Amino acid sequence: MRGLGLDNGEKDMRRSLTRAVYGMICLTLF
């Protein structure tokens, strides 16, 4: 998304994905 410019510069979208990934990592660890 960021490399190909598909997020249209929407930082909220980036933050949403980052939070989701962080949550998945926590779930994986647990």
PDB file of all heavy atoms in Angstrom:
ATOM      1  N   MET A   1       0.825  -1.203   0.000  1.00  0.00           N
ATOM      2  CA  MET A   1       0.000   0.000   0.000  1.00  0.00           C
ATOM      3  C   MET A   1       0.865   1.261   0.000  1.00  0.00           C
ATOM      4  O   MET A   1       0.670   2.157  -0.820  1.00  0.00           O
ATOM      5  CB  MET A   1      -0.905  -0.025   1.230  1.00  0.00           C
ATOM      6  CG  MET A   1      -1.786   1.205   1.415  1.00  0.00           C
ATOM      7  SD  MET A   1      -2.737   1.077   2.931  1.00  0.00           S
ATOM      8  CE  MET A   1      -1.426   1.259   4.154  1.00  0.00           C
ATOM      9  N   ARG A   2       1.855   1.299   0.863  1.00  0.00           N
ATOM     10  CA  ARG A   2       2.712   2.483   0.923  1.00  0.00           C
ATOM     11  C   ARG A   2       3.676   2.541  -0.252  1.00  0.00           C
ATOM     12  O   ARG A   2       3.938   3.604  -0.812  1.00  0.00           O
ATOM     13  CB  ARG A   2       3.495   2.494   2.233  1.00  0.00           C
ATOM     14  CG  ARG A   2       2.622   2.811   3.443  1.00  0.00           C
ATOM     15  CD  ARG A   2       3.424   3.369   4.589  1.00  0.00           C
ATOM     16  NE  ARG A   2       4.053   4.640   4.281  1.00  0.00           N
ATOM     17  CZ  ARG A   2       4.759   5.372   5.144  1.00  0.00           C
ATOM     18  NH1 ARG A   2       4.914   4.930   6.383  1.00  0.00           N
ATOM     19  NH2 ARG A   2       5.311   6.506   4.799  1.00  0.00           N
ATOM     20  N   GLY A   3       4.210   1.376  -0.629  1.00  0.00           N
ATOM     21  CA  GLY A   3       5.174   1.369  -1.717  1.00  0.00           C
ATOM     22  C   GLY A   3       4.577   1.761  -3.047  1.00  0.00           C
ATOM     23  O   GLY A   3       5.227   2.428  -3.854  1.00  0.00           O
ATOM     24  N   LEU A   4       3.307   1.343  -3.286  1.00  0.00           N
ATOM     25  CA  LEU A   4       2.651   1.643  -4.558  1.00  0.00           C
ATOM     26  C   LEU A   4       1.739   2.857  -4.466  1.00  0.00           C
ATOM     27  O   LEU A   4       1.066   3.201  -5.438  1.00  0.00           O
ATOM     28  CB  LEU A   4       1.844   0.423  -5.021  1.00  0.00           C
ATOM     29  CG  LEU A   4       2.676  -0.841  -5.305  1.00  0.00           C
ATOM     30  CD1 LEU A   4       1.763  -2.014  -5.599  1.00  0.00           C
ATOM     31  CD2 LEU A   4       3.622  -0.600  -6.465  1.00  0.00           C
ATOM     32  N   GLY A   5       1.703   3.486  -3.308  1.00  0.00           N
ATOM     33  CA  GLY A   5       0.900   4.700  -3.169  1.00  0.00           C
ATOM     34  C   GLY A   5      -0.582   4.453  -3.159  1.00  0.00           C
ATOM     35  O   GLY A   5      -1.362   5.314  -3.572  1.00  0.00           O
ATOM     36  N   LEU A   6      -1.009   3.277  -2.687  1.00  0.00           N
ATOM     37  CA  LEU A   6      -2.428   2.940  -2.721  1.00  0.00           C
ATOM     38  C   LEU A   6      -3.196   3.473  -1.515  1.00  0.00           C
ATOM     39  O   LEU A   6      -4.410   3.328  -1.442  1.00  0.00           O
ATOM     40  CB  LEU A   6      -2.589   1.415  -2.791  1.00  0.00           C
ATOM     41  CG  LEU A   6      -1.968   0.744  -4.020  1.00  0.00           C
ATOM     42  CD1 LEU A   6      -2.086  -0.760  -3.902  1.00  0.00           C
ATOM     43  CD2 LEU A   6      -2.633   1.221  -5.292  1.00  0.00           C
ATOM     44  N   ASP A   7      -2.488   4.072  -0.558  1.00  0.00           N
ATOM     45  CA  ASP A   7      -3.185   4.585   0.617  1.00  0.00           C
ATOM     46  C   ASP A   7      -3.596   6.042   0.478  1.00  0.00           C
ATOM     47  O   ASP A   7      -4.226   6.602   1.368  1.00  0.00           O
ATOM     48  CB  ASP A   7      -2.316   4.426   1.861  1.00  0.00           C
ATOM     49  CG  ASP A   7      -0.993   5.168   1.737  1.00  0.00           C
ATOM     50  OD1 ASP A   7      -0.693   5.677   0.633  1.00  0.00           O
ATOM     51  OD2 ASP A   7      -0.250   5.223   2.738  1.00  0.00           O
ATOM     52  N   ASN A   8      -3.236   6.651  -0.666  1.00  0.00           N
ATOM     53  CA  ASN A   8      -3.594   8.055  -0.912  1.00  0.00           C
ATOM     54  C   ASN A   8      -3.112   8.981   0.204  1.00  0.00           C
ATOM     55  O   ASN A   8      -3.707  10.022   0.464  1.00  0.00           O
ATOM     56  CB  ASN A   8      -5.112   8.223  -1.068  1.00  0.00           C
ATOM     57  CG  ASN A   8      -5.642   7.495  -2.277  1.00  0.00           C
ATOM     58  OD1 ASN A   8      -4.926   7.341  -3.271  1.00  0.00           O
ATOM     59  ND2 ASN A   8      -6.877   7.019  -2.203  1.00  0.00           N
ATOM     60  N   GLY A   9      -2.042   8.569   0.874  1.00  0.00           N
ATOM     61  CA  GLY A   9      -1.492   9.403   1.937  1.00  0.00           C
ATOM     62  C   GLY A   9      -2.321   9.441   3.197  1.00  0.00           C
ATOM     63  O   GLY A   9      -2.108  10.304   4.053  1.00  0.00           O
ATOM     64  N   GLU A  10      -3.282   8.517   3.345  1.00  0.00           N
ATOM     65  CA  GLU A  10      -4.157   8.511   4.516  1.00  0.00           C
ATOM     66  C   GLU A  10      -3.430   7.875   5.691  1.00  0.00           C
ATOM     67  O   GLU A  10      -3.275   6.657   5.764  1.00  0.00           O
ATOM     68  CB  GLU A  10      -5.453   7.752   4.215  1.00  0.00           C
ATOM     69  CG  GLU A  10      -6.303   8.412   3.135  1.00  0.00           C
ATOM     70  CD  GLU A  10      -7.614   7.676   2.925  1.00  0.00           C
ATOM     71  OE1 GLU A  10      -8.128   7.096   3.912  1.00  0.00           O
ATOM     72  OE2 GLU A  10      -8.110   7.664   1.796  1.00  0.00           O
ATOM     73  N   LYS A  11      -3.010   8.691   6.638  1.00  0.00           N
ATOM     74  CA  LYS A  11      -2.283   8.184   7.797  1.00  0.00           C
ATOM     75  C   LYS A  11      -3.172   7.367   8.725  1.00  0.00           C
ATOM     76  O   LYS A  11      -2.691   6.470   9.419  1.00  0.00           O
ATOM     77  CB  LYS A  11      -1.654   9.346   8.557  1.00  0.00           C
ATOM     78  CG  LYS A  11      -0.561  10.055   7.751  1.00  0.00           C
ATOM     79  CD  LYS A  11       0.105  11.147   8.570  1.00  0.00           C
ATOM     80  CE  LYS A  11       1.220  11.809   7.763  1.00  0.00           C
ATOM     81  NZ  LYS A  11       1.889  12.885   8.525  1.00  0.00           N
ATOM     82  N   ASP A  12      -4.465   7.662   8.730  1.00  0.00           N
ATOM     83  CA  ASP A  12      -5.383   6.876   9.557  1.00  0.00           C
ATOM     84  C   ASP A  12      -5.405   5.419   9.100  1.00  0.00           C
ATOM     85  O   ASP A  12      -5.486   4.494   9.915  1.00  0.00           O
ATOM     86  CB  ASP A  12      -6.796   7.457   9.494  1.00  0.00           C
ATOM     87  CG  ASP A  12      -6.908   8.775  10.251  1.00  0.00           C
ATOM     88  OD1 ASP A  12      -6.020   9.027  11.086  1.00  0.00           O
ATOM     89  OD2 ASP A  12      -7.869   9.515  10.004  1.00  0.00           O
ATOM     90  N   MET A  13      -5.355   5.220   7.770  1.00  0.00           N
ATOM     91  CA  MET A  13      -5.342   3.860   7.236  1.00  0.00           C
ATOM     92  C   MET A  13      -4.077   3.139   7.687  1.00  0.00           C
ATOM     93  O   MET A  13      -4.129   1.973   8.109  1.00  0.00           O
ATOM     94  CB  MET A  13      -5.416   3.886   5.708  1.00  0.00           C
ATOM     95  CG  MET A  13      -5.404   2.494   5.071  1.00  0.00           C
ATOM     96  SD  MET A  13      -5.264   2.547   3.271  1.00  0.00           S
ATOM     97  CE  MET A  13      -6.817   3.319   2.856  1.00  0.00           C
ATOM     98  N   ARG A  14      -2.948   3.825   7.618  1.00  0.00           N
ATOM     99  CA  ARG A  14      -1.686   3.208   8.029  1.00  0.00           C
ATOM    100  C   ARG A  14      -1.722   2.840   9.506  1.00  0.00           C
ATOM    101  O   ARG A  14      -1.304   1.752   9.904  1.00  0.00           O
ATOM    102  CB  ARG A  14      -0.533   4.166   7.765  1.00  0.00           C
ATOM    103  CG  ARG A  14      -0.347   4.536   6.305  1.00  0.00           C
ATOM    104  CD  ARG A  14       0.739   5.595   6.175  1.00  0.00           C
ATOM    105  NE  ARG A  14       0.866   6.073   4.808  1.00  0.00           N
ATOM    106  CZ  ARG A  14       1.648   7.081   4.439  1.00  0.00           C
ATOM    107  NH1 ARG A  14       2.387   7.714   5.356  1.00  0.00           N
ATOM    108  NH2 ARG A  14       1.711   7.458   3.186  1.00  0.00           N
ATOM    109  N   ARG A  15      -2.235   3.762  10.305  1.00  0.00           N
ATOM    110  CA  ARG A  15      -2.288   3.503  11.737  1.00  0.00           C
ATOM    111  C   ARG A  15      -3.222   2.334  12.052  1.00  0.00           C
ATOM    112  O   ARG A  15      -2.948   1.536  12.953  1.00  0.00           O
ATOM    113  CB  ARG A  15      -2.720   4.760  12.490  1.00  0.00           C
ATOM    114  CG  ARG A  15      -1.591   5.778  12.681  1.00  0.00           C
ATOM    115  CD  ARG A  15      -1.974   6.830  13.705  1.00  0.00           C
ATOM    116  NE  ARG A  15      -2.998   7.728  13.191  1.00  0.00           N
ATOM    117  CZ  ARG A  15      -2.751   8.875  12.572  1.00  0.00           C
ATOM    118  NH1 ARG A  15      -1.494   9.280  12.410  1.00  0.00           N
ATOM    119  NH2 ARG A  15      -3.729   9.635  12.140  1.00  0.00           N
ATOM    120  N   SER A  16      -4.329   2.230  11.306  1.00  0.00           N
ATOM    121  CA  SER A  16      -5.266   1.125  11.529  1.00  0.00           C
ATOM    122  C   SER A  16      -4.598  -0.220  11.268  1.00  0.00           C
ATOM    123  O   SER A  16      -4.729  -1.165  12.059  1.00  0.00           O
ATOM    124  CB  SER A  16      -6.488   1.278  10.617  1.00  0.00           C
ATOM    125  OG  SER A  16      -7.214   2.445  10.929  1.00  0.00           O
ATOM    126  N   LEU A  17      -3.874  -0.298  10.155  1.00  0.00           N
ATOM    127  CA  LEU A  17      -3.189  -1.545   9.839  1.00  0.00           C
ATOM    128  C   LEU A  17      -2.086  -1.842  10.857  1.00  0.00           C
ATOM    129  O   LEU A  17      -1.885  -2.993  11.262  1.00  0.00           O
ATOM    130  CB  LEU A  17      -2.591  -1.480   8.431  1.00  0.00           C
ATOM    131  CG  LEU A  17      -3.549  -1.807   7.278  1.00  0.00           C
ATOM    132  CD1 LEU A  17      -2.854  -1.603   5.943  1.00  0.00           C
ATOM    133  CD2 LEU A  17      -4.066  -3.234   7.387  1.00  0.00           C
ATOM    134  N   THR A  18      -1.382  -0.812  11.270  1.00  0.00           N
ATOM    135  CA  THR A  18      -0.305  -1.006  12.243  1.00  0.00           C
ATOM    136  C   THR A  18      -0.856  -1.502  13.570  1.00  0.00           C
ATOM    137  O   THR A  18      -0.279  -2.407  14.200  1.00  0.00           O
ATOM    138  CB  THR A  18       0.465   0.311  12.453  1.00  0.00           C
ATOM    139  OG1 THR A  18       1.010   0.738  11.195  1.00  0.00           O
ATOM    140  CG2 THR A  18       1.603   0.122  13.442  1.00  0.00           C
ATOM    141  N   ARG A  19      -1.973  -0.927  14.014  1.00  0.00           N
ATOM    142  CA  ARG A  19      -2.589  -1.396  15.256  1.00  0.00           C
ATOM    143  C   ARG A  19      -3.052  -2.849  15.118  1.00  0.00           C
ATOM    144  O   ARG A  19      -2.905  -3.651  16.047  1.00  0.00           O
ATOM    145  CB  ARG A  19      -3.777  -0.494  15.630  1.00  0.00           C
ATOM    146  CG  ARG A  19      -3.367   0.844  16.239  1.00  0.00           C
ATOM    147  CD  ARG A  19      -4.551   1.515  16.926  1.00  0.00           C
ATOM    148  NE  ARG A  19      -5.603   1.833  15.964  1.00  0.00           N
ATOM    149  CZ  ARG A  19      -5.715   3.005  15.336  1.00  0.00           C
ATOM    150  NH1 ARG A  19      -4.821   3.969  15.578  1.00  0.00           N
ATOM    151  NH2 ARG A  19      -6.693   3.230  14.501  1.00  0.00           N
ATOM    152  N   ALA A  20      -3.619  -3.183  13.951  1.00  0.00           N
ATOM    153  CA  ALA A  20      -4.090  -4.555  13.732  1.00  0.00           C
ATOM    154  C   ALA A  20      -2.920  -5.538  13.774  1.00  0.00           C
ATOM    155  O   ALA A  20      -3.012  -6.615  14.379  1.00  0.00           O
ATOM    156  CB  ALA A  20      -4.822  -4.659  12.398  1.00  0.00           C
ATOM    157  N   VAL A  21      -1.806  -5.149  13.146  1.00  0.00           N
ATOM    158  CA  VAL A  21      -0.627  -6.024  13.131  1.00  0.00           C
ATOM    159  C   VAL A  21      -0.062  -6.172  14.542  1.00  0.00           C
ATOM    160  O   VAL A  21       0.307  -7.282  14.965  1.00  0.00           O
ATOM    161  CB  VAL A  21       0.444  -5.478  12.165  1.00  0.00           C
ATOM    162  CG1 VAL A  21       1.780  -6.193  12.365  1.00  0.00           C
ATOM    163  CG2 VAL A  21      -0.028  -5.628  10.734  1.00  0.00           C
ATOM    164  N   TYR A  22      -0.006  -5.080  15.268  1.00  0.00           N
ATOM    165  CA  TYR A  22       0.500  -5.133  16.647  1.00  0.00           C
ATOM    166  C   TYR A  22      -0.364  -6.075  17.490  1.00  0.00           C
ATOM    167  O   TYR A  22       0.144  -6.887  18.270  1.00  0.00           O
ATOM    168  CB  TYR A  22       0.502  -3.731  17.248  1.00  0.00           C
ATOM    169  CG  TYR A  22       1.130  -3.650  18.623  1.00  0.00           C
ATOM    170  CD1 TYR A  22       2.511  -3.519  18.770  1.00  0.00           C
ATOM    171  CD2 TYR A  22       0.346  -3.701  19.770  1.00  0.00           C
ATOM    172  CE1 TYR A  22       3.087  -3.451  20.029  1.00  0.00           C
ATOM    173  CE2 TYR A  22       0.913  -3.628  21.030  1.00  0.00           C
ATOM    174  CZ  TYR A  22       2.289  -3.506  21.152  1.00  0.00           C
ATOM    175  OH  TYR A  22       2.853  -3.445  22.396  1.00  0.00           O
ATOM    176  N   GLY A  23      -1.677  -5.974  17.300  1.00  0.00           N
ATOM    177  CA  GLY A  23      -2.577  -6.866  18.031  1.00  0.00           C
ATOM    178  C   GLY A  23      -2.363  -8.320  17.650  1.00  0.00           C
ATOM    179  O   GLY A  23      -2.395  -9.209  18.515  1.00  0.00           O
ATOM    180  N   MET A  24      -2.147  -8.586  16.361  1.00  0.00           N
ATOM    181  CA  MET A  24      -1.902  -9.960  15.905  1.00  0.00           C
ATOM    182  C   MET A  24      -0.602 -10.506  16.495  1.00  0.00           C
ATOM    183  O   MET A  24      -0.513 -11.684  16.858  1.00  0.00           O
ATOM    184  CB  MET A  24      -1.839 -10.011  14.378  1.00  0.00           C
ATOM    185  CG  MET A  24      -3.167  -9.792  13.684  1.00  0.00           C
ATOM    186  SD  MET A  24      -4.315 -11.148  13.967  1.00  0.00           S
ATOM    187  CE  MET A  24      -5.725 -10.561  13.011  1.00  0.00           C
ATOM    188  N   ILE A  25       0.419  -9.664  16.591  1.00  0.00           N
ATOM    189  CA  ILE A  25       1.690 -10.104  17.186  1.00  0.00           C
ATOM    190  C   ILE A  25       1.490 -10.455  18.659  1.00  0.00           C
ATOM    191  O   ILE A  25       2.010 -11.472  19.149  1.00  0.00           O
ATOM    192  CB  ILE A  25       2.766  -9.014  17.027  1.00  0.00           C
ATOM    193  CG1 ILE A  25       3.108  -8.783  15.547  1.00  0.00           C
ATOM    194  CG2 ILE A  25       4.021  -9.388  17.806  1.00  0.00           C
ATOM    195  CD1 ILE A  25       3.773  -9.957  14.882  1.00  0.00           C
ATOM    196  N   CYS A  26       0.729  -9.626  19.360  1.00  0.00           N
ATOM    197  CA  CYS A  26       0.428  -9.924  20.771  1.00  0.00           C
ATOM    198  C   CYS A  26      -0.325 -11.252  20.891  1.00  0.00           C
ATOM    199  O   CYS A  26      -0.021 -12.079  21.770  1.00  0.00           O
ATOM    200  CB  CYS A  26      -0.406  -8.798  21.385  1.00  0.00           C
ATOM    201  SG  CYS A  26       0.471  -7.229  21.558  1.00  0.00           S
ATOM    202  N   LEU A  27      -1.312 -11.448  20.013  1.00  0.00           N
ATOM    203  CA  LEU A  27      -2.087 -12.679  20.029  1.00  0.00           C
ATOM    204  C   LEU A  27      -1.188 -13.884  19.738  1.00  0.00           C
ATOM    205  O   LEU A  27      -1.302 -14.928  20.392  1.00  0.00           O
ATOM    206  CB  LEU A  27      -3.213 -12.595  18.992  1.00  0.00           C
ATOM    207  CG  LEU A  27      -4.123 -13.821  18.878  1.00  0.00           C
ATOM    208  CD1 LEU A  27      -4.919 -14.010  20.161  1.00  0.00           C
ATOM    209  CD2 LEU A  27      -5.065 -13.677  17.676  1.00  0.00           C
ATOM    210  N   THR A  28      -0.281 -13.737  18.764  1.00  0.00           N
ATOM    211  CA  THR A  28       0.636 -14.818  18.412  1.00  0.00           C
ATOM    212  C   THR A  28       1.530 -15.179  19.589  1.00  0.00           C
ATOM    213  O   THR A  28       1.745 -16.367  19.887  1.00  0.00           O
ATOM    214  CB  THR A  28       1.506 -14.412  17.203  1.00  0.00           C
ATOM    215  OG1 THR A  28       0.653 -14.074  16.106  1.00  0.00           O
ATOM    216  CG2 THR A  28       2.444 -15.534  16.796  1.00  0.00           C
ATOM    217  N   LEU A  29       2.059 -14.165  20.264  1.00  0.00           N
ATOM    218  CA  LEU A  29       2.917 -14.415  21.428  1.00  0.00           C
ATOM    219  C   LEU A  29       2.157 -15.162  22.514  1.00  0.00           C
ATOM    220  O   LEU A  29       2.642 -16.172  23.048  1.00  0.00           O
ATOM    221  CB  LEU A  29       3.453 -13.099  21.977  1.00  0.00           C
ATOM    222  CG  LEU A  29       4.214 -13.187  23.314  1.00  0.00           C
ATOM    223  CD1 LEU A  29       5.433 -14.083  23.185  1.00  0.00           C
ATOM    224  CD2 LEU A  29       4.594 -11.792  23.798  1.00  0.00           C
ATOM    225  N   PHE A  30       0.967 -14.682  22.829  1.00  0.00           N
ATOM    226  CA  PHE A  30       0.185 -15.308  23.903  1.00  0.00           C
ATOM    227  C   PHE A  30      -0.136 -16.766  23.579  1.00  0.00           C
ATOM    228  O   PHE A  30       0.088 -17.673  24.393  1.00  0.00           O
ATOM    229  CB  PHE A  30      -1.107 -14.517  24.131  1.00  0.00           C
ATOM    230  CG  PHE A  30      -2.054 -15.166  25.099  1.00  0.00           C
ATOM    231  CD1 PHE A  30      -1.808 -15.145  26.460  1.00  0.00           C
ATOM    232  CD2 PHE A  30      -3.188 -15.827  24.636  1.00  0.00           C
ATOM    233  CE1 PHE A  30      -2.675 -15.762  27.357  1.00  0.00           C
ATOM    234  CE2 PHE A  30      -4.063 -16.447  25.518  1.00  0.00           C
ATOM    235  CZ  PHE A  30      -3.804 -16.416  26.885  1.00  0.00           C
TER     236      PHE A  30
END
